[in-house]
Amino acid sequence: MFKKLDCPLAPAILTLILGPRTERSLRESLSISQGDYGIFFTRPISLALLIVTAIILASSAWQALPSAVREESKEAQV
């Protein structure tokens, strides 16, 4: 199925292996903080990881845009 959809297999395997562990850790963190999501923004390491994740997602989205759309935005700025 992955070959037909031209999807890499490694990210899917990592997701299946690390997903449950990540979910458990998230649940434990929220339990310790009594359900307050602010713990992820007030700790320096988690805040840095969230910022890096946002930058990676934004750059991926920017690269996924068709070049014509990017050209129009450049012309609009000039």
PDB file of N, CA and C in Angstrom:
ATOM      1  N   MET A   1       0.826  -1.188   0.000  1.00  0.00           N
ATOM      2  CA  MET A   1       0.000   0.000   0.000  1.00  0.00           C
ATOM      3  C   MET A   1       0.875   1.257   0.000  1.00  0.00           C
ATOM      4  N   PHE A   2       1.949   1.252   0.788  1.00  0.00           N
ATOM      5  CA  PHE A   2       2.810   2.433   0.855  1.00  0.00           C
ATOM      6  C   PHE A   2       3.523   2.681  -0.471  1.00  0.00           C
ATOM      7  N   LYS A   3       3.868   1.607  -1.180  1.00  0.00           N
ATOM      8  CA  LYS A   3       4.518   1.776  -2.478  1.00  0.00           C
ATOM      9  C   LYS A   3       3.560   2.392  -3.484  1.00  0.00           C
ATOM     10  N   LYS A   4       2.306   1.966  -3.464  1.00  0.00           N
ATOM     11  CA  LYS A   4       1.316   2.512  -4.399  1.00  0.00           C
ATOM     12  C   LYS A   4       1.044   3.982  -4.119  1.00  0.00           C
ATOM     13  N   LEU A   5       1.040   4.372  -2.843  1.00  0.00           N
ATOM     14  CA  LEU A   5       0.776   5.758  -2.473  1.00  0.00           C
ATOM     15  C   LEU A   5       2.049   6.608  -2.476  1.00  0.00           C
ATOM     16  N   ASP A   6       3.183   5.977  -2.731  1.00  0.00           N
ATOM     17  CA  ASP A   6       4.481   6.644  -2.746  1.00  0.00           C
ATOM     18  C   ASP A   6       4.768   7.328  -1.409  1.00  0.00           C
ATOM     19  N   CYS A   7       4.491   6.593  -0.326  1.00  0.00           N
ATOM     20  CA  CYS A   7       4.751   7.088   1.029  1.00  0.00           C
ATOM     21  C   CYS A   7       5.929   6.325   1.623  1.00  0.00           C
ATOM     22  N   PRO A   8       6.807   7.020   2.349  1.00  0.00           N
ATOM     23  CA  PRO A   8       7.923   6.322   2.990  1.00  0.00           C
ATOM     24  C   PRO A   8       7.438   5.457   4.152  1.00  0.00           C
ATOM     25  N   LEU A   9       8.072   4.339   4.342  1.00  0.00           N
ATOM     26  CA  LEU A   9       7.661   3.385   5.371  1.00  0.00           C
ATOM     27  C   LEU A   9       8.216   3.746   6.748  1.00  0.00           C
ATOM     28  N   ALA A  10       9.398   4.347   6.807  1.00  0.00           N
ATOM     29  CA  ALA A  10      10.051   4.635   8.088  1.00  0.00           C
ATOM     30  C   ALA A  10       9.209   5.527   9.017  1.00  0.00           C
ATOM     31  N   PRO A  11       8.633   6.647   8.531  1.00  0.00           N
ATOM     32  CA  PRO A  11       7.814   7.458   9.442  1.00  0.00           C
ATOM     33  C   PRO A  11       6.600   6.710   9.994  1.00  0.00           C
ATOM     34  N   ALA A  12       6.021   5.835   9.188  1.00  0.00           N
ATOM     35  CA  ALA A  12       4.868   5.069   9.667  1.00  0.00           C
ATOM     36  C   ALA A  12       5.279   4.112  10.780  1.00  0.00           C
ATOM     37  N   ILE A  13       6.436   3.474  10.624  1.00  0.00           N
ATOM     38  CA  ILE A  13       6.919   2.558  11.659  1.00  0.00           C
ATOM     39  C   ILE A  13       7.262   3.323  12.928  1.00  0.00           C
ATOM     40  N   LEU A  14       7.931   4.477  12.789  1.00  0.00           N
ATOM     41  CA  LEU A  14       8.251   5.285  13.963  1.00  0.00           C
ATOM     42  C   LEU A  14       6.988   5.726  14.685  1.00  0.00           C
ATOM     43  N   THR A  15       5.962   6.083  13.935  1.00  0.00           N
ATOM     44  CA  THR A  15       4.699   6.502  14.537  1.00  0.00           C
ATOM     45  C   THR A  15       4.065   5.364  15.325  1.00  0.00           C
ATOM     46  N   LEU A  16       4.084   4.173  14.762  1.00  0.00           N
ATOM     47  CA  LEU A  16       3.491   3.028  15.452  1.00  0.00           C
ATOM     48  C   LEU A  16       4.263   2.660  16.711  1.00  0.00           C
ATOM     49  N   ILE A  17       5.576   2.860  16.687  1.00  0.00           N
ATOM     50  CA  ILE A  17       6.393   2.499  17.847  1.00  0.00           C
ATOM     51  C   ILE A  17       6.357   3.595  18.914  1.00  0.00           C
ATOM     52  N   LEU A  18       6.530   4.850  18.503  1.00  0.00           N
ATOM     53  CA  LEU A  18       6.650   5.943  19.472  1.00  0.00           C
ATOM     54  C   LEU A  18       5.317   6.572  19.867  1.00  0.00           C
ATOM     55  N   GLY A  19       4.277   6.354  19.079  1.00  0.00           N
ATOM     56  CA  GLY A  19       2.975   6.964  19.354  1.00  0.00           C
ATOM     57  C   GLY A  19       2.420   6.661  20.734  1.00  0.00           C
ATOM     58  N   PRO A  20       2.303   5.387  21.099  1.00  0.00           N
ATOM     59  CA  PRO A  20       1.757   5.069  22.428  1.00  0.00           C
ATOM     60  C   PRO A  20       2.599   5.632  23.572  1.00  0.00           C
ATOM     61  N   ARG A  21       3.920   5.602  23.421  1.00  0.00           N
ATOM     62  CA  ARG A  21       4.798   6.136  24.467  1.00  0.00           C
ATOM     63  C   ARG A  21       4.601   7.642  24.610  1.00  0.00           C
ATOM     64  N   THR A  22       4.490   8.341  23.495  1.00  0.00           N
ATOM     65  CA  THR A  22       4.290   9.785  23.518  1.00  0.00           C
ATOM     66  C   THR A  22       2.944  10.130  24.144  1.00  0.00           C
ATOM     67  N   GLU A  23       1.943   9.356  23.795  1.00  0.00           N
ATOM     68  CA  GLU A  23       0.608   9.596  24.353  1.00  0.00           C
ATOM     69  C   GLU A  23       0.597   9.395  25.870  1.00  0.00           C
ATOM     70  N   ARG A  24       1.265   8.356  26.324  1.00  0.00           N
ATOM     71  CA  ARG A  24       1.342   8.076  27.758  1.00  0.00           C
ATOM     72  C   ARG A  24       2.067   9.211  28.481  1.00  0.00           C
ATOM     73  N   SER A  25       3.160   9.699  27.900  1.00  0.00           N
ATOM     74  CA  SER A  25       3.907  10.792  28.522  1.00  0.00           C
ATOM     75  C   SER A  25       3.078  12.071  28.570  1.00  0.00           C
ATOM     76  N   LEU A  26       2.328  12.338  27.512  1.00  0.00           N
ATOM     77  CA  LEU A  26       1.454  13.514  27.495  1.00  0.00           C
ATOM     78  C   LEU A  26       0.409  13.416  28.596  1.00  0.00           C
ATOM     79  N   ARG A  27      -0.182  12.235  28.730  1.00  0.00           N
ATOM     80  CA  ARG A  27      -1.185  12.042  29.778  1.00  0.00           C
ATOM     81  C   ARG A  27      -0.592  12.245  31.167  1.00  0.00           C
ATOM     82  N   GLU A  28       0.624  11.717  31.393  1.00  0.00           N
ATOM     83  CA  GLU A  28       1.276  11.877  32.691  1.00  0.00           C
ATOM     84  C   GLU A  28       1.592  13.348  32.977  1.00  0.00           C
ATOM     85  N   SER A  29       2.071  14.059  31.967  1.00  0.00           N
ATOM     86  CA  SER A  29       2.389  15.484  32.147  1.00  0.00           C
ATOM     87  C   SER A  29       1.144  16.277  32.497  1.00  0.00           C
ATOM     88  N   LEU A  30       0.055  16.004  31.798  1.00  0.00           N
ATOM     89  CA  LEU A  30      -1.189  16.717  32.089  1.00  0.00           C
ATOM     90  C   LEU A  30      -1.742  16.337  33.453  1.00  0.00           C
ATOM     91  N   SER A  31      -1.516  15.107  33.862  1.00  0.00           N
ATOM     92  CA  SER A  31      -1.966  14.685  35.189  1.00  0.00           C
ATOM     93  C   SER A  31      -1.171  15.400  36.277  1.00  0.00           C
ATOM     94  N   ILE A  32       0.143  15.517  36.084  1.00  0.00           N
ATOM     95  CA  ILE A  32       0.987  16.201  37.060  1.00  0.00           C
ATOM     96  C   ILE A  32       0.622  17.683  37.163  1.00  0.00           C
ATOM     97  N   SER A  33       0.334  18.292  35.992  1.00  0.00           N
ATOM     98  CA  SER A  33       0.000  19.721  35.983  1.00  0.00           C
ATOM     99  C   SER A  33      -1.482  19.978  36.230  1.00  0.00           C
ATOM    100  N   GLN A  34      -2.216  18.947  36.576  1.00  0.00           N
ATOM    101  CA  GLN A  34      -3.653  19.021  36.842  1.00  0.00           C
ATOM    102  C   GLN A  34      -4.434  19.552  35.647  1.00  0.00           C
ATOM    103  N   GLY A  35      -4.055  19.092  34.451  1.00  0.00           N
ATOM    104  CA  GLY A  35      -4.783  19.440  33.237  1.00  0.00           C
ATOM    105  C   GLY A  35      -4.426  20.780  32.624  1.00  0.00           C
ATOM    106  N   ASP A  36      -3.406  21.450  33.143  1.00  0.00           N
ATOM    107  CA  ASP A  36      -3.018  22.763  32.643  1.00  0.00           C
ATOM    108  C   ASP A  36      -2.021  22.605  31.482  1.00  0.00           C
ATOM    109  N   TYR A  37      -2.424  23.049  30.290  1.00  0.00           N
ATOM    110  CA  TYR A  37      -1.554  22.957  29.122  1.00  0.00           C
ATOM    111  C   TYR A  37      -0.420  23.984  29.165  1.00  0.00           C
ATOM    112  N   GLY A  38      -0.493  24.917  30.057  1.00  0.00           N
ATOM    113  CA  GLY A  38       0.536  25.938  30.182  1.00  0.00           C
ATOM    114  C   GLY A  38       1.902  25.376  30.524  1.00  0.00           C
ATOM    115  N   ILE A  39       1.944  24.178  31.077  1.00  0.00           N
ATOM    116  CA  ILE A  39       3.217  23.556  31.423  1.00  0.00           C
ATOM    117  C   ILE A  39       4.102  23.377  30.193  1.00  0.00           C
ATOM    118  N   PHE A  40       3.486  23.237  29.024  1.00  0.00           N
ATOM    119  CA  PHE A  40       4.263  23.039  27.800  1.00  0.00           C
ATOM    120  C   PHE A  40       4.839  24.345  27.268  1.00  0.00           C
ATOM    121  N   PHE A  41       4.328  25.465  27.735  1.00  0.00           N
ATOM    122  CA  PHE A  41       4.808  26.763  27.267  1.00  0.00           C
ATOM    123  C   PHE A  41       5.712  27.461  28.282  1.00  0.00           C
ATOM    124  N   THR A  42       5.669  27.022  29.529  1.00  0.00           N
ATOM    125  CA  THR A  42       6.466  27.681  30.561  1.00  0.00           C
ATOM    126  C   THR A  42       7.807  27.010  30.780  1.00  0.00           C
ATOM    127  N   ARG A  43       7.966  25.791  30.367  1.00  0.00           N
ATOM    128  CA  ARG A  43       9.243  25.090  30.502  1.00  0.00           C
ATOM    129  C   ARG A  43      10.102  25.385  29.280  1.00  0.00           C
ATOM    130  N   PRO A  44      11.347  25.787  29.474  1.00  0.00           N
ATOM    131  CA  PRO A  44      12.195  26.205  28.343  1.00  0.00           C
ATOM    132  C   PRO A  44      12.418  25.125  27.283  1.00  0.00           C
ATOM    133  N   ILE A  45      12.641  23.889  27.709  1.00  0.00           N
ATOM    134  CA  ILE A  45      12.920  22.830  26.737  1.00  0.00           C
ATOM    135  C   ILE A  45      11.687  22.530  25.901  1.00  0.00           C
ATOM    136  N   SER A  46      10.532  22.401  26.534  1.00  0.00           N
ATOM    137  CA  SER A  46       9.316  22.100  25.773  1.00  0.00           C
ATOM    138  C   SER A  46       8.925  23.269  24.882  1.00  0.00           C
ATOM    139  N   LEU A  47       9.139  24.492  25.354  1.00  0.00           N
ATOM    140  CA  LEU A  47       8.846  25.659  24.524  1.00  0.00           C
ATOM    141  C   LEU A  47       9.757  25.687  23.301  1.00  0.00           C
ATOM    142  N   ALA A  48      11.032  25.380  23.484  1.00  0.00           N
ATOM    143  CA  ALA A  48      11.972  25.347  22.357  1.00  0.00           C
ATOM    144  C   ALA A  48      11.566  24.281  21.348  1.00  0.00           C
ATOM    145  N   LEU A  49      11.158  23.113  21.836  1.00  0.00           N
ATOM    146  CA  LEU A  49      10.723  22.049  20.924  1.00  0.00           C
ATOM    147  C   LEU A  49       9.453  22.439  20.170  1.00  0.00           C
ATOM    148  N   LEU A  50       8.534  23.121  20.836  1.00  0.00           N
ATOM    149  CA  LEU A  50       7.319  23.582  20.167  1.00  0.00           C
ATOM    150  C   LEU A  50       7.642  24.620  19.090  1.00  0.00           C
ATOM    151  N   ILE A  51       8.579  25.514  19.368  1.00  0.00           N
ATOM    152  CA  ILE A  51       8.965  26.526  18.383  1.00  0.00           C
ATOM    153  C   ILE A  51       9.629  25.877  17.178  1.00  0.00           C
ATOM    154  N   VAL A  52      10.531  24.922  17.427  1.00  0.00           N
ATOM    155  CA  VAL A  52      11.193  24.215  16.318  1.00  0.00           C
ATOM    156  C   VAL A  52      10.165  23.456  15.487  1.00  0.00           C
ATOM    157  N   THR A  53       9.210  22.821  16.138  1.00  0.00           N
ATOM    158  CA  THR A  53       8.163  22.102  15.421  1.00  0.00           C
ATOM    159  C   THR A  53       7.343  23.058  14.563  1.00  0.00           C
ATOM    160  N   ALA A  54       6.991  24.214  15.103  1.00  0.00           N
ATOM    161  CA  ALA A  54       6.220  25.197  14.336  1.00  0.00           C
ATOM    162  C   ALA A  54       7.008  25.690  13.121  1.00  0.00           C
ATOM    163  N   ILE A  55       8.312  25.896  13.287  1.00  0.00           N
ATOM    164  CA  ILE A  55       9.142  26.348  12.165  1.00  0.00           C
ATOM    165  C   ILE A  55       9.208  25.272  11.082  1.00  0.00           C
ATOM    166  N   ILE A  56       9.375  24.029  11.486  1.00  0.00           N
ATOM    167  CA  ILE A  56       9.430  22.936  10.512  1.00  0.00           C
ATOM    168  C   ILE A  56       8.107  22.811   9.765  1.00  0.00           C
ATOM    169  N   LEU A  57       6.989  22.885  10.485  1.00  0.00           N
ATOM    170  CA  LEU A  57       5.680  22.792   9.828  1.00  0.00           C
ATOM    171  C   LEU A  57       5.441  23.961   8.885  1.00  0.00           C
ATOM    172  N   ALA A  58       5.841  25.163   9.291  1.00  0.00           N
ATOM    173  CA  ALA A  58       5.651  26.334   8.436  1.00  0.00           C
ATOM    174  C   ALA A  58       6.507  26.239   7.177  1.00  0.00           C
ATOM    175  N   SER A  59       7.743  25.784   7.325  1.00  0.00           N
ATOM    176  CA  SER A  59       8.595  25.674   6.135  1.00  0.00           C
ATOM    177  C   SER A  59       8.103  24.576   5.203  1.00  0.00           C
ATOM    178  N   SER A  60       7.589  23.499   5.760  1.00  0.00           N
ATOM    179  CA  SER A  60       7.029  22.434   4.925  1.00  0.00           C
ATOM    180  C   SER A  60       5.804  22.928   4.169  1.00  0.00           C
ATOM    181  N   ALA A  61       4.959  23.687   4.846  1.00  0.00           N
ATOM    182  CA  ALA A  61       3.764  24.227   4.192  1.00  0.00           C
ATOM    183  C   ALA A  61       4.168  25.215   3.102  1.00  0.00           C
ATOM    184  N   TRP A  62       5.192  26.021   3.368  1.00  0.00           N
ATOM    185  CA  TRP A  62       5.646  27.003   2.372  1.00  0.00           C
ATOM    186  C   TRP A  62       6.189  26.302   1.133  1.00  0.00           C
ATOM    187  N   GLN A  63       6.929  25.221   1.328  1.00  0.00           N
ATOM    188  CA  GLN A  63       7.470  24.482   0.194  1.00  0.00           C
ATOM    189  C   GLN A  63       6.381  23.747  -0.574  1.00  0.00           C
ATOM    190  N   ALA A  64       5.297  23.404   0.088  1.00  0.00           N
ATOM    191  CA  ALA A  64       4.215  22.688  -0.576  1.00  0.00           C
ATOM    192  C   ALA A  64       3.367  23.606  -1.451  1.00  0.00           C
ATOM    193  N   LEU A  65       3.450  24.917  -1.187  1.00  0.00           N
ATOM    194  CA  LEU A  65       2.690  25.849  -2.015  1.00  0.00           C
ATOM    195  C   LEU A  65       3.207  25.809  -3.448  1.00  0.00           C
ATOM    196  N   PRO A  66       2.324  25.896  -4.403  1.00  0.00           N
ATOM    197  CA  PRO A  66       2.791  25.965  -5.789  1.00  0.00           C
ATOM    198  C   PRO A  66       3.637  27.216  -6.004  1.00  0.00           C
ATOM    199  N   SER A  67       4.583  27.129  -6.889  1.00  0.00           N
ATOM    200  CA  SER A  67       5.497  28.254  -7.115  1.00  0.00           C
ATOM    201  C   SER A  67       4.750  29.484  -7.636  1.00  0.00           C
ATOM    202  N   ALA A  68       3.646  29.297  -8.335  1.00  0.00           N
ATOM    203  CA  ALA A  68       2.879  30.435  -8.847  1.00  0.00           C
ATOM    204  C   ALA A  68       2.322  31.274  -7.695  1.00  0.00           C
ATOM    205  N   VAL A  69       1.867  30.631  -6.642  1.00  0.00           N
ATOM    206  CA  VAL A  69       1.323  31.352  -5.500  1.00  0.00           C
ATOM    207  C   VAL A  69       2.430  32.136  -4.817  1.00  0.00           C
ATOM    208  N   ARG A  70       3.621  31.530  -4.698  1.00  0.00           N
ATOM    209  CA  ARG A  70       4.744  32.228  -4.085  1.00  0.00           C
ATOM    210  C   ARG A  70       5.180  33.416  -4.933  1.00  0.00           C
ATOM    211  N   GLU A  71       5.141  33.268  -6.252  1.00  0.00           N
ATOM    212  CA  GLU A  71       5.507  34.365  -7.148  1.00  0.00           C
ATOM    213  C   GLU A  71       4.545  35.537  -6.983  1.00  0.00           C
ATOM    214  N   GLU A  72       3.246  35.235  -6.856  1.00  0.00           N
ATOM    215  CA  GLU A  72       2.246  36.302  -6.680  1.00  0.00           C
ATOM    216  C   GLU A  72       2.473  37.042  -5.375  1.00  0.00           C
ATOM    217  N   SER A  73       2.826  36.320  -4.323  1.00  0.00           N
ATOM    218  CA  SER A  73       3.045  36.998  -3.040  1.00  0.00           C
ATOM    219  C   SER A  73       4.278  37.873  -3.091  1.00  0.00           C
ATOM    220  N   LYS A  74       5.308  37.481  -3.844  1.00  0.00           N
ATOM    221  CA  LYS A  74       6.500  38.310  -3.988  1.00  0.00           C
ATOM    222  C   LYS A  74       6.172  39.581  -4.753  1.00  0.00           C
ATOM    223  N   GLU A  75       5.373  39.462  -5.826  1.00  0.00           N
ATOM    224  CA  GLU A  75       5.002  40.623  -6.622  1.00  0.00           C
ATOM    225  C   GLU A  75       4.120  41.580  -5.835  1.00  0.00           C
ATOM    226  N   ALA A  76       3.277  41.041  -4.966  1.00  0.00           N
ATOM    227  CA  ALA A  76       2.385  41.874  -4.174  1.00  0.00           C
ATOM    228  C   ALA A  76       3.173  42.695  -3.139  1.00  0.00           C
ATOM    229  N   GLN A  77       4.294  42.155  -2.675  1.00  0.00           N
ATOM    230  CA  GLN A  77       5.093  42.858  -1.686  1.00  0.00           C
ATOM    231  C   GLN A  77       5.876  44.010  -2.315  1.00  0.00           C
ATOM    232  N   VAL A  78       6.201  43.882  -3.604  1.00  0.00           N
ATOM    233  CA  VAL A  78       7.021  44.912  -4.268  1.00  0.00           C
ATOM    234  C   VAL A  78       6.213  46.075  -4.641  1.00  0.00           C
TER     235      VAL A  78
END
